[in-house]
C-alpha atoms as a PDB file:
ATOM      1  CA  MET A   1      56.156-106.426 -93.796  1.00  0.00           C
ATOM      2  CA  GLY A   2      55.183-110.011 -93.050  1.00  0.00           C
ATOM      3  CA  VAL A   3      52.865-112.065 -95.221  1.00  0.00           C
ATOM      4  CA  PHE A   4      49.624-111.210 -96.964  1.00  0.00           C
ATOM      5  CA  GLY A   5      46.275-112.850 -97.447  1.00  0.00           C
ATOM      6  CA  GLY A   6      44.411-113.281-100.701  1.00  0.00           C
ATOM      7  CA  ILE A   7      40.868-114.405-101.459  1.00  0.00           C
ATOM      8  CA  GLU A   8      39.311-115.129-104.816  1.00  0.00           C
ATOM      9  CA  THR A   9      35.569-115.336-104.296  1.00  0.00           C
ATOM     10  CA  GLY A  10      33.962-117.302-107.099  1.00  0.00           C
ATOM     11  CA  GLY A  11      30.392-118.216-107.862  1.00  0.00           C
ATOM     12  CA  SER A  12      31.135-121.881-107.240  1.00  0.00           C
ATOM     13  CA  LYS A  13      34.136-121.814-104.880  1.00  0.00           C
ATOM     14  CA  TRP A  14      36.413-119.568-102.814  1.00  0.00           C
ATOM     15  CA  GLU A  15      40.207-119.783-102.953  1.00  0.00           C
ATOM     16  CA  CYS A  16      42.189-118.474 -99.963  1.00  0.00           C
ATOM     17  CA  ALA A  17      45.949-118.111 -99.720  1.00  0.00           C
ATOM     18  CA  ILE A  18      48.608-116.719 -97.403  1.00  0.00           C
ATOM     19  CA  GLY A  19      52.077-115.771 -98.617  1.00  0.00           C
ATOM     20  CA  THR A  20      54.027-113.203-100.577  1.00  0.00           C
ATOM     21  CA  GLY A  21      53.631-114.540-104.125  1.00  0.00           C
ATOM     22  CA  PRO A  22      53.171-117.680-106.250  1.00  0.00           C
ATOM     23  CA  ASP A  23      56.489-119.167-105.124  1.00  0.00           C
ATOM     24  CA  ASP A  24      55.827-118.458-101.463  1.00  0.00           C
ATOM     25  CA  LEU A  25      52.368-119.663-100.500  1.00  0.00           C
ATOM     26  CA  ARG A  26      52.439-120.656 -96.826  1.00  0.00           C
ATOM     27  CA  ALA A  27      48.858-121.964 -96.677  1.00  0.00           C
ATOM     28  CA  THR A  28      45.927-122.384 -99.093  1.00  0.00           C
ATOM     29  CA  ALA A  29      42.320-123.515 -98.864  1.00  0.00           C
ATOM     30  CA  THR A  30      39.440-124.094-101.267  1.00  0.00           C
ATOM     31  CA  PHE A  31      35.804-124.489-100.288  1.00  0.00           C
ATOM     32  CA  PRO A  32      32.431-124.243-102.038  1.00  0.00           C
ATOM     33  CA  THR A  33      30.435-121.023-102.230  1.00  0.00           C
ATOM     34  CA  THR A  34      27.323-121.608-100.134  1.00  0.00           C
ATOM     35  CA  THR A  35      25.586-118.830 -98.175  1.00  0.00           C
ATOM     36  CA  PRO A  36      27.371-115.557 -97.436  1.00  0.00           C
ATOM     37  CA  ALA A  37      27.459-116.196 -93.693  1.00  0.00           C
ATOM     38  CA  GLU A  38      28.830-119.729 -94.028  1.00  0.00           C
ATOM     39  CA  THR A  39      31.353-118.957 -96.775  1.00  0.00           C
ATOM     40  CA  ILE A  40      32.704-115.792 -95.175  1.00  0.00           C
ATOM     41  CA  GLY A  41      32.878-117.698 -91.890  1.00  0.00           C
ATOM     42  CA  GLN A  42      35.048-120.391 -93.487  1.00  0.00           C
ATOM     43  CA  ALA A  43      37.405-117.766 -94.902  1.00  0.00           C
ATOM     44  CA  LEU A  44      37.709-116.006 -91.544  1.00  0.00           C
ATOM     45  CA  ALA A  45      38.409-119.319 -89.812  1.00  0.00           C
ATOM     46  CA  PHE A  46      41.207-120.041 -92.311  1.00  0.00           C
ATOM     47  CA  PHE A  47      42.957-116.696 -91.745  1.00  0.00           C
ATOM     48  CA  GLU A  48      42.479-116.823 -87.992  1.00  0.00           C
ATOM     49  CA  ARG A  49      43.986-120.321 -87.941  1.00  0.00           C
ATOM     50  CA  GLU A  50      46.827-119.823 -90.460  1.00  0.00           C
ATOM     51  CA  GLY A  51      47.566-116.099 -89.950  1.00  0.00           C
ATOM     52  CA  PRO A  52      48.141-113.444 -88.918  1.00  0.00           C
ATOM     53  CA  VAL A  53      48.446-111.457 -92.158  1.00  0.00           C
ATOM     54  CA  ALA A  54      49.583-107.857 -92.514  1.00  0.00           C
ATOM     55  CA  ALA A  55      46.830-107.045 -95.020  1.00  0.00           C
ATOM     56  CA  LEU A  56      44.270-108.891 -97.108  1.00  0.00           C
ATOM     57  CA  GLY A  57      43.224-108.597-100.748  1.00  0.00           C
ATOM     58  CA  ILE A  58      39.874-109.785-102.069  1.00  0.00           C
ATOM     59  CA  GLY A  59      39.098-110.375-105.728  1.00  0.00           C
ATOM     60  CA  SER A  60      35.362-110.985-105.937  1.00  0.00           C
ATOM     61  CA  PHE A  61      32.808-112.140-108.454  1.00  0.00           C
ATOM     62  CA  GLY A  62      30.492-109.289-109.203  1.00  0.00           C
ATOM     63  CA  PRO A  63      29.220-106.816-109.901  1.00  0.00           C
ATOM     64  CA  VAL A  64      30.808-105.198-106.846  1.00  0.00           C
ATOM     65  CA  ASP A  65      31.211-101.800-105.231  1.00  0.00           C
ATOM     66  CA  ALA A  66      34.976-101.244-105.175  1.00  0.00           C
ATOM     67  CA  THR A  67      34.788 -97.456-104.752  1.00  0.00           C
ATOM     68  CA  VAL A  68      36.807 -96.516-101.671  1.00  0.00           C
ATOM     69  CA  GLY A  69      34.728 -94.294 -99.420  1.00  0.00           C
ATOM     70  CA  SER A  70      31.404 -95.575-100.696  1.00  0.00           C
ATOM     71  CA  ARG A  71      28.869 -96.608 -98.076  1.00  0.00           C
ATOM     72  CA  THR A  72      28.604-100.017 -99.741  1.00  0.00           C
ATOM     73  CA  TRP A  73      32.310-100.490-100.520  1.00  0.00           C
ATOM     74  CA  GLY A  74      33.135-104.182-100.332  1.00  0.00           C
ATOM     75  CA  HIS A  75      29.641-105.315-101.249  1.00  0.00           C
ATOM     76  CA  ILE A  76      28.641-107.614-104.073  1.00  0.00           C
ATOM     77  CA  THR A  77      25.756-105.806-105.793  1.00  0.00           C
ATOM     78  CA  THR A  78      23.369-107.073-108.502  1.00  0.00           C
ATOM     79  CA  THR A  79      24.771-110.563-108.955  1.00  0.00           C
ATOM     80  CA  PRO A  80      22.489-113.301-110.303  1.00  0.00           C
ATOM     81  CA  LYS A  81      24.088-115.684-107.761  1.00  0.00           C
ATOM     82  CA  PRO A  82      21.174-116.654-105.464  1.00  0.00           C
ATOM     83  CA  GLY A  83      21.516-115.279-101.943  1.00  0.00           C
ATOM     84  CA  TRP A  84      24.519-113.064-102.703  1.00  0.00           C
ATOM     85  CA  SER A  85      22.917-109.924-104.066  1.00  0.00           C
ATOM     86  CA  HIS A  86      24.101-106.963-101.936  1.00  0.00           C
ATOM     87  CA  ALA A  87      26.137-109.212 -99.649  1.00  0.00           C
ATOM     88  CA  ASP A  88      28.762-107.425 -97.533  1.00  0.00           C
ATOM     89  CA  VAL A  89      32.082-109.205 -98.047  1.00  0.00           C
ATOM     90  CA  GLY A  90      34.853-106.623 -97.727  1.00  0.00           C
ATOM     91  CA  GLN A  91      33.620-104.647 -94.719  1.00  0.00           C
ATOM     92  CA  GLU A  92      32.688-107.770 -92.762  1.00  0.00           C
ATOM     93  CA  ILE A  93      36.085-109.395 -93.301  1.00  0.00           C
ATOM     94  CA  ARG A  94      37.924-106.144 -92.484  1.00  0.00           C
ATOM     95  CA  ARG A  95      35.913-105.735 -89.281  1.00  0.00           C
ATOM     96  CA  ARG A  96      36.488-109.304 -88.162  1.00  0.00           C
ATOM     97  CA  LEU A  97      40.219-109.555 -88.988  1.00  0.00           C
ATOM     98  CA  GLY A  98      41.161-105.977 -88.109  1.00  0.00           C
ATOM     99  CA  VAL A  99      43.673-105.546 -90.949  1.00  0.00           C
ATOM    100  CA  PRO A 100      43.738-103.357 -94.097  1.00  0.00           C
ATOM    101  CA  VAL A 101      41.620-104.893 -96.862  1.00  0.00           C
ATOM    102  CA  ALA A 102      41.819-104.210-100.615  1.00  0.00           C
ATOM    103  CA  PHE A 103      38.695-105.111-102.563  1.00  0.00           C
ATOM    104  CA  ASP A 104      38.245-105.394-106.329  1.00  0.00           C
ATOM    105  CA  THR A 105      36.839-107.744-108.938  1.00  0.00           C
ATOM    106  CA  ASP A 106      38.248-111.243-109.283  1.00  0.00           C
ATOM    107  CA  VAL A 107      39.394-110.499-112.823  1.00  0.00           C
ATOM    108  CA  ASN A 108      41.140-107.265-111.833  1.00  0.00           C
ATOM    109  CA  ALA A 109      42.957-109.165-109.085  1.00  0.00           C
ATOM    110  CA  ALA A 110      43.977-111.826-111.602  1.00  0.00           C
ATOM    111  CA  ALA A 111      45.197-109.121-113.995  1.00  0.00           C
ATOM    112  CA  VAL A 112      47.446-107.698-111.267  1.00  0.00           C
ATOM    113  CA  GLY A 113      48.828-111.157-110.538  1.00  0.00           C
ATOM    114  CA  GLU A 114      49.474-111.904-114.202  1.00  0.00           C
ATOM    115  CA  GLN A 115      51.285-108.593-114.697  1.00  0.00           C
ATOM    116  CA  ARG A 116      53.533-109.114-111.703  1.00  0.00           C
ATOM    117  CA  TRP A 117      54.270-112.829-111.973  1.00  0.00           C
ATOM    118  CA  GLY A 118      52.522-114.336-114.989  1.00  0.00           C
ATOM    119  CA  ALA A 119      51.767-114.012-118.694  1.00  0.00           C
ATOM    120  CA  ALA A 120      51.550-110.187-118.721  1.00  0.00           C
ATOM    121  CA  GLN A 121      54.932-109.401-117.195  1.00  0.00           C
ATOM    122  CA  GLY A 122      56.487-106.320-118.781  1.00  0.00           C
ATOM    123  CA  LEU A 123      53.171-105.083-120.220  1.00  0.00           C
ATOM    124  CA  ASP A 124      51.223-102.028-119.117  1.00  0.00           C
ATOM    125  CA  THR A 125      48.096-102.371-121.294  1.00  0.00           C
ATOM    126  CA  PHE A 126      46.375-105.749-121.471  1.00  0.00           C
ATOM    127  CA  CYS A 127      43.186-107.618-120.663  1.00  0.00           C
ATOM    128  CA  TYR A 128      42.501-110.601-118.449  1.00  0.00           C
ATOM    129  CA  VAL A 129      39.362-112.570-119.291  1.00  0.00           C
ATOM    130  CA  THR A 130      37.926-115.553-117.467  1.00  0.00           C
ATOM    131  CA  VAL A 131      35.356-117.937-118.935  1.00  0.00           C
ATOM    132  CA  GLY A 132      33.734-120.134-116.332  1.00  0.00           C
ATOM    133  CA  THR A 133      30.300-120.181-114.726  1.00  0.00           C
ATOM    134  CA  GLY A 134      30.093-116.606-116.063  1.00  0.00           C
ATOM    135  CA  ILE A 135      32.396-114.397-118.107  1.00  0.00           C
ATOM    136  CA  GLY A 136      34.385-111.543-116.614  1.00  0.00           C
ATOM    137  CA  GLY A 137      37.192-109.303-117.718  1.00  0.00           C
ATOM    138  CA  GLY A 138      39.652-106.892-116.193  1.00  0.00           C
ATOM    139  CA  ALA A 139      41.822-104.364-117.989  1.00  0.00           C
ATOM    140  CA  MET A 140      45.035-102.561-117.179  1.00  0.00           C
ATOM    141  CA  VAL A 141      45.804 -99.450-119.212  1.00  0.00           C
ATOM    142  CA  GLY A 142      49.013 -97.481-118.791  1.00  0.00           C
ATOM    143  CA  GLY A 143      49.956 -99.600-115.799  1.00  0.00           C
ATOM    144  CA  HIS A 144      46.737 -98.992-113.851  1.00  0.00           C
ATOM    145  CA  LEU A 145      43.573-101.020-113.501  1.00  0.00           C
ATOM    146  CA  VAL A 146      40.585 -99.551-115.306  1.00  0.00           C
ATOM    147  CA  HIS A 147      37.940 -98.194-112.952  1.00  0.00           C
ATOM    148  CA  GLY A 148      35.334 -95.599-113.714  1.00  0.00           C
ATOM    149  CA  LEU A 149      31.646 -95.303-112.956  1.00  0.00           C
ATOM    150  CA  VAL A 150      31.930 -98.810-111.478  1.00  0.00           C
ATOM    151  CA  HIS A 151      34.236-101.369-113.119  1.00  0.00           C
ATOM    152  CA  PRO A 152      34.428-102.964-116.573  1.00  0.00           C
ATOM    153  CA  GLU A 153      31.746-105.573-117.328  1.00  0.00           C
ATOM    154  CA  PHE A 154      33.231-107.523-120.210  1.00  0.00           C
ATOM    155  CA  GLY A 155      30.782-110.374-119.756  1.00  0.00           C
ATOM    156  CA  HIS A 156      27.832-108.212-120.721  1.00  0.00           C
ATOM    157  CA  LEU A 157      29.154-107.028-124.070  1.00  0.00           C
ATOM    158  CA  ARG A 158      26.596-107.471-126.808  1.00  0.00           C
ATOM    159  CA  VAL A 159      27.981-109.786-129.478  1.00  0.00           C
ATOM    160  CA  PRO A 160      26.393-110.696-132.834  1.00  0.00           C
ATOM    161  CA  HIS A 161      23.830-113.479-132.415  1.00  0.00           C
ATOM    162  CA  ASP A 162      22.656-115.324-135.517  1.00  0.00           C
ATOM    163  CA  ARG A 163      19.400-116.818-134.284  1.00  0.00           C
ATOM    164  CA  ASP A 164      19.008-118.932-137.417  1.00  0.00           C
ATOM    165  CA  ALA A 165      22.296-120.696-136.703  1.00  0.00           C
ATOM    166  CA  ASP A 166      21.875-120.586-132.920  1.00  0.00           C
ATOM    167  CA  PRO A 167      18.275-120.073-131.715  1.00  0.00           C
ATOM    168  CA  PHE A 168      19.345-120.311-128.067  1.00  0.00           C
ATOM    169  CA  ASP A 169      17.987-117.336-126.083  1.00  0.00           C
ATOM    170  CA  GLY A 170      20.921-117.046-123.645  1.00  0.00           C
ATOM    171  CA  VAL A 171      21.079-117.427-119.872  1.00  0.00           C
ATOM    172  CA  CYS A 172      21.790-113.917-118.574  1.00  0.00           C
ATOM    173  CA  PRO A 173      18.850-112.907-116.340  1.00  0.00           C
ATOM    174  CA  PHE A 174      19.471-109.254-117.231  1.00  0.00           C
ATOM    175  CA  HIS A 175      20.288-109.328-120.958  1.00  0.00           C
ATOM    176  CA  GLY A 176      19.586-112.813-122.292  1.00  0.00           C
ATOM    177  CA  ASP A 177      22.067-113.160-125.149  1.00  0.00           C
ATOM    178  CA  CYS A 178      24.974-110.979-124.050  1.00  0.00           C
ATOM    179  CA  TRP A 179      28.489-112.469-124.182  1.00  0.00           C
ATOM    180  CA  GLU A 180      28.068-114.256-120.859  1.00  0.00           C
ATOM    181  CA  GLY A 181      24.533-115.282-121.784  1.00  0.00           C
ATOM    182  CA  LEU A 182      25.768-117.036-124.918  1.00  0.00           C
ATOM    183  CA  ALA A 183      29.246-118.328-124.064  1.00  0.00           C
ATOM    184  CA  SER A 184      29.592-118.963-120.315  1.00  0.00           C
ATOM    185  CA  GLY A 185      29.696-122.396-118.756  1.00  0.00           C
ATOM    186  CA  ARG A 186      26.050-121.981-117.748  1.00  0.00           C
ATOM    187  CA  ALA A 187      25.198-121.170-121.363  1.00  0.00           C
ATOM    188  CA  ILE A 188      26.938-124.289-122.652  1.00  0.00           C
ATOM    189  CA  GLU A 189      25.021-126.489-120.226  1.00  0.00           C
ATOM    190  CA  ALA A 190      21.676-124.818-120.941  1.00  0.00           C
ATOM    191  CA  ARG A 191      22.130-124.920-124.740  1.00  0.00           C
ATOM    192  CA  TRP A 192      23.398-128.481-125.045  1.00  0.00           C
ATOM    193  CA  GLY A 193      21.810-130.115-121.995  1.00  0.00           C
ATOM    194  CA  ARG A 194      25.127-131.261-120.517  1.00  0.00           C
ATOM    195  CA  ARG A 195      28.099-129.661-118.826  1.00  0.00           C
ATOM    196  CA  GLY A 196      31.084-128.748-120.967  1.00  0.00           C
ATOM    197  CA  GLU A 197      33.286-131.505-119.577  1.00  0.00           C
ATOM    198  CA  GLU A 198      30.712-134.051-120.777  1.00  0.00           C
ATOM    199  CA  LEU A 199      30.827-132.671-124.329  1.00  0.00           C
ATOM    200  CA  ALA A 200      34.532-133.067-125.039  1.00  0.00           C
ATOM    201  CA  GLY A 201      33.944-135.140-128.188  1.00  0.00           C
ATOM    202  CA  THR A 202      31.290-132.875-129.709  1.00  0.00           C
ATOM    203  CA  GLN A 203      33.178-130.561-132.053  1.00  0.00           C
ATOM    204  CA  ALA A 204      30.151-128.379-132.836  1.00  0.00           C
ATOM    205  CA  VAL A 205      30.079-127.269-129.189  1.00  0.00           C
ATOM    206  CA  TRP A 206      33.609-125.917-129.275  1.00  0.00           C
ATOM    207  CA  GLU A 207      33.379-124.399-132.759  1.00  0.00           C
ATOM    208  CA  LEU A 208      30.378-122.330-131.659  1.00  0.00           C
ATOM    209  CA  GLU A 209      31.979-121.470-128.325  1.00  0.00           C
ATOM    210  CA  ALA A 210      35.168-120.315-130.053  1.00  0.00           C
ATOM    211  CA  LYS A 211      33.187-118.075-132.407  1.00  0.00           C
ATOM    212  CA  TYR A 212      31.377-116.325-129.548  1.00  0.00           C
ATOM    213  CA  LEU A 213      34.512-115.945-127.447  1.00  0.00           C
ATOM    214  CA  ALA A 214      36.426-114.493-130.377  1.00  0.00           C
ATOM    215  CA  LEU A 215      33.656-111.961-131.097  1.00  0.00           C
ATOM    216  CA  GLY A 216      33.965-110.638-127.552  1.00  0.00           C
ATOM    217  CA  LEU A 217      37.754-110.557-127.652  1.00  0.00           C
ATOM    218  CA  VAL A 218      37.750-108.649-130.940  1.00  0.00           C
ATOM    219  CA  SER A 219      35.540-105.999-129.326  1.00  0.00           C
ATOM    220  CA  ALA A 220      38.083-105.655-126.525  1.00  0.00           C
ATOM    221  CA  ILE A 221      40.938-105.463-129.048  1.00  0.00           C
ATOM    222  CA  CYS A 222      39.250-102.691-131.013  1.00  0.00           C
ATOM    223  CA  ILE A 223      38.341-100.634-127.941  1.00  0.00           C
ATOM    224  CA  LEU A 224      41.425-100.978-125.712  1.00  0.00           C
ATOM    225  CA  SER A 225      44.190-102.051-128.121  1.00  0.00           C
ATOM    226  CA  PRO A 226      45.701-104.379-125.487  1.00  0.00           C
ATOM    227  CA  GLN A 227      49.259-105.595-125.894  1.00  0.00           C
ATOM    228  CA  ARG A 228      48.043-109.071-124.930  1.00  0.00           C
ATOM    229  CA  ILE A 229      44.872-110.870-123.874  1.00  0.00           C
ATOM    230  CA  VAL A 230      45.220-113.454-121.134  1.00  0.00           C
ATOM    231  CA  ILE A 231      42.237-115.806-121.056  1.00  0.00           C
ATOM    232  CA  GLY A 232      41.529-118.418-118.405  1.00  0.00           C
ATOM    233  CA  GLY A 233      38.698-120.093-116.530  1.00  0.00           C
ATOM    234  CA  GLY A 234      37.352-123.628-116.458  1.00  0.00           C
ATOM    235  CA  VAL A 235      35.620-123.488-119.847  1.00  0.00           C
ATOM    236  CA  MET A 236      38.961-122.830-121.545  1.00  0.00           C
ATOM    237  CA  GLY A 237      39.885-126.402-120.726  1.00  0.00           C
ATOM    238  CA  GLY A 238      37.582-127.492-123.569  1.00  0.00           C
ATOM    239  CA  PRO A 239      39.418-129.606-126.174  1.00  0.00           C
ATOM    240  CA  GLY A 240      41.476-127.371-128.452  1.00  0.00           C
ATOM    241  CA  LEU A 241      39.354-124.356-127.495  1.00  0.00           C
ATOM    242  CA  LEU A 242      42.176-121.854-127.040  1.00  0.00           C
ATOM    243  CA  GLN A 243      43.590-122.631-130.480  1.00  0.00           C
ATOM    244  CA  LEU A 244      40.122-122.371-132.033  1.00  0.00           C
ATOM    245  CA  VAL A 245      39.622-118.974-130.381  1.00  0.00           C
ATOM    246  CA  ARG A 246      42.937-117.707-131.757  1.00  0.00           C
ATOM    247  CA  ARG A 247      41.957-118.822-135.250  1.00  0.00           C
ATOM    248  CA  GLU A 248      38.575-117.092-135.002  1.00  0.00           C
ATOM    249  CA  VAL A 249      40.091-113.842-133.707  1.00  0.00           C
ATOM    250  CA  VAL A 250      42.350-113.652-136.776  1.00  0.00           C
ATOM    251  CA  ALA A 251      39.460-114.509-139.105  1.00  0.00           C
ATOM    252  CA  ILE A 252      37.077-111.914-137.630  1.00  0.00           C
ATOM    253  CA  LEU A 253      39.681-109.132-137.723  1.00  0.00           C
ATOM    254  CA  ASN A 254      40.247-110.058-141.378  1.00  0.00           C
ATOM    255  CA  GLY A 255      43.566-108.250-141.649  1.00  0.00           C
ATOM    256  CA  TYR A 256      42.196-104.871-140.533  1.00  0.00           C
ATOM    257  CA  ILE A 257      44.757-104.362-137.746  1.00  0.00           C
ATOM    258  CA  GLU A 258      48.178-104.903-139.263  1.00  0.00           C
ATOM    259  CA  HIS A 259      50.400-106.224-136.517  1.00  0.00           C
ATOM    260  CA  GLU A 260      52.416-109.415-136.203  1.00  0.00           C
ATOM    261  CA  ALA A 261      50.758-110.047-132.805  1.00  0.00           C
ATOM    262  CA  LEU A 262      47.497-110.615-134.654  1.00  0.00           C
ATOM    263  CA  GLY A 263      49.058-112.869-137.232  1.00  0.00           C
ATOM    264  CA  GLU A 264      52.144-114.998-136.858  1.00  0.00           C
ATOM    265  CA  HIS A 265      52.346-114.361-133.100  1.00  0.00           C
ATOM    266  CA  ILE A 266      48.673-114.915-132.267  1.00  0.00           C
ATOM    267  CA  ASP A 267      49.630-117.848-130.010  1.00  0.00           C
ATOM    268  CA  ARG A 268      51.459-115.394-127.744  1.00  0.00           C
ATOM    269  CA  TYR A 269      48.909-112.610-128.102  1.00  0.00           C
ATOM    270  CA  VAL A 270      45.908-114.658-126.917  1.00  0.00           C
ATOM    271  CA  SER A 271      47.577-116.405-124.013  1.00  0.00           C
ATOM    272  CA  ALA A 272      46.698-118.825-121.249  1.00  0.00           C
ATOM    273  CA  PRO A 273      47.347-117.481-117.722  1.00  0.00           C
ATOM    274  CA  GLY A 274      50.886-117.905-116.498  1.00  0.00           C
ATOM    275  CA  LEU A 275      49.555-118.451-112.972  1.00  0.00           C
ATOM    276  CA  GLY A 276      46.897-120.941-114.035  1.00  0.00           C
ATOM    277  CA  SER A 277      43.922-121.244-111.707  1.00  0.00           C
ATOM    278  CA  ARG A 278      45.825-119.414-108.922  1.00  0.00           C
ATOM    279  CA  ALA A 279      45.800-116.053-110.714  1.00  0.00           C
ATOM    280  CA  GLY A 280      42.908-114.584-108.709  1.00  0.00           C
ATOM    281  CA  ALA A 281      44.077-115.544-105.228  1.00  0.00           C
ATOM    282  CA  VAL A 282      47.726-114.706-105.934  1.00  0.00           C
ATOM    283  CA  GLY A 283      46.703-111.413-107.522  1.00  0.00           C
ATOM    284  CA  ALA A 284      44.693-110.627-104.396  1.00  0.00           C
ATOM    285  CA  ILE A 285      47.915-111.006-102.397  1.00  0.00           C
ATOM    286  CA  ALA A 286      49.479-108.374-104.670  1.00  0.00           C
ATOM    287  CA  LEU A 287      46.478-106.096-104.039  1.00  0.00           C
ATOM    288  CA  ALA A 288      46.968-106.533-100.290  1.00  0.00           C
ATOM    289  CA  GLU A 289      50.649-105.628-100.505  1.00  0.00           C
ATOM    290  CA  ALA A 290      49.875-102.532-102.575  1.00  0.00           C
ATOM    291  CA  ALA A 291      47.167-101.445-100.143  1.00  0.00           C
ATOM    292  CA  LEU A 292      49.495-101.709 -97.165  1.00  0.00           C
ATOM    293  CA  SER A 293      52.164 -99.741 -99.018  1.00  0.00           C
ATOM    294  CA  GLY A 294      49.700 -97.042-100.052  1.00  0.00           C
ATOM    295  CA  LEU A 295      50.285 -97.732-103.738  1.00  0.00           C
ATOM    296  CA  GLU A 296      47.642 -97.272-106.443  1.00  0.00           C
ATOM    297  CA  VAL A 297      47.164-100.255-108.729  1.00  0.00           C
END
């Protein structure tokens, strides 16, 4: 069946890869997200130079139209990313490369990769969450990705916001203080005046961040009852943040759900990605393989 292509389109950068899995990546490339024409052009040049590929998977920042048969399938829709609203990604790449293309959210692609090769192996119901420039989440339930009216929008959950303790209004242009508006990388920079990596020694930053992240994760736990939550993204590199989030999840649940995963095994339950920063691009390769085989993910 040859090799497959994978693209993770991010708000700040695109990751491209060719191979059959994390242990067989024949070529990779990373470049900044600029305009749609320039960025898509760089991706096409990479696959034309390093290919051919039998099929291509795309995991994209969103919101997106991933409904097969829709007139705007493959489009990014109402994104706040300047210049990218309603950009055609999937159809343009399929037309130019002439191969089957699978198109989904970046977090759904990462979830597929983590189930096949990473921290969610052997599980059929789990969540993948990324905390970076924005916040996104994908869910697999009963072995299939969750799709419905559109796709899950974890980042726009409404979480409790104590304005006395945190008067920050939030950065989401649609909702202000939703989960992404309060806890994304953009929110950290807007609230504190510096990027997260410049605030490593300021404990108050990470205590507040952990509280907000845990509030969102607890909502996901109560709604979907995932067997594990895999959480990645650049913000999670904050000092001790993952451990703080685990502690807050246990505290907020307050013993309501009696399960060892939410107690003595919380370090396994709220997990870092097994594929690290490659989860999206490698997961997109898995989407491409499934699309070529006619399999539903």
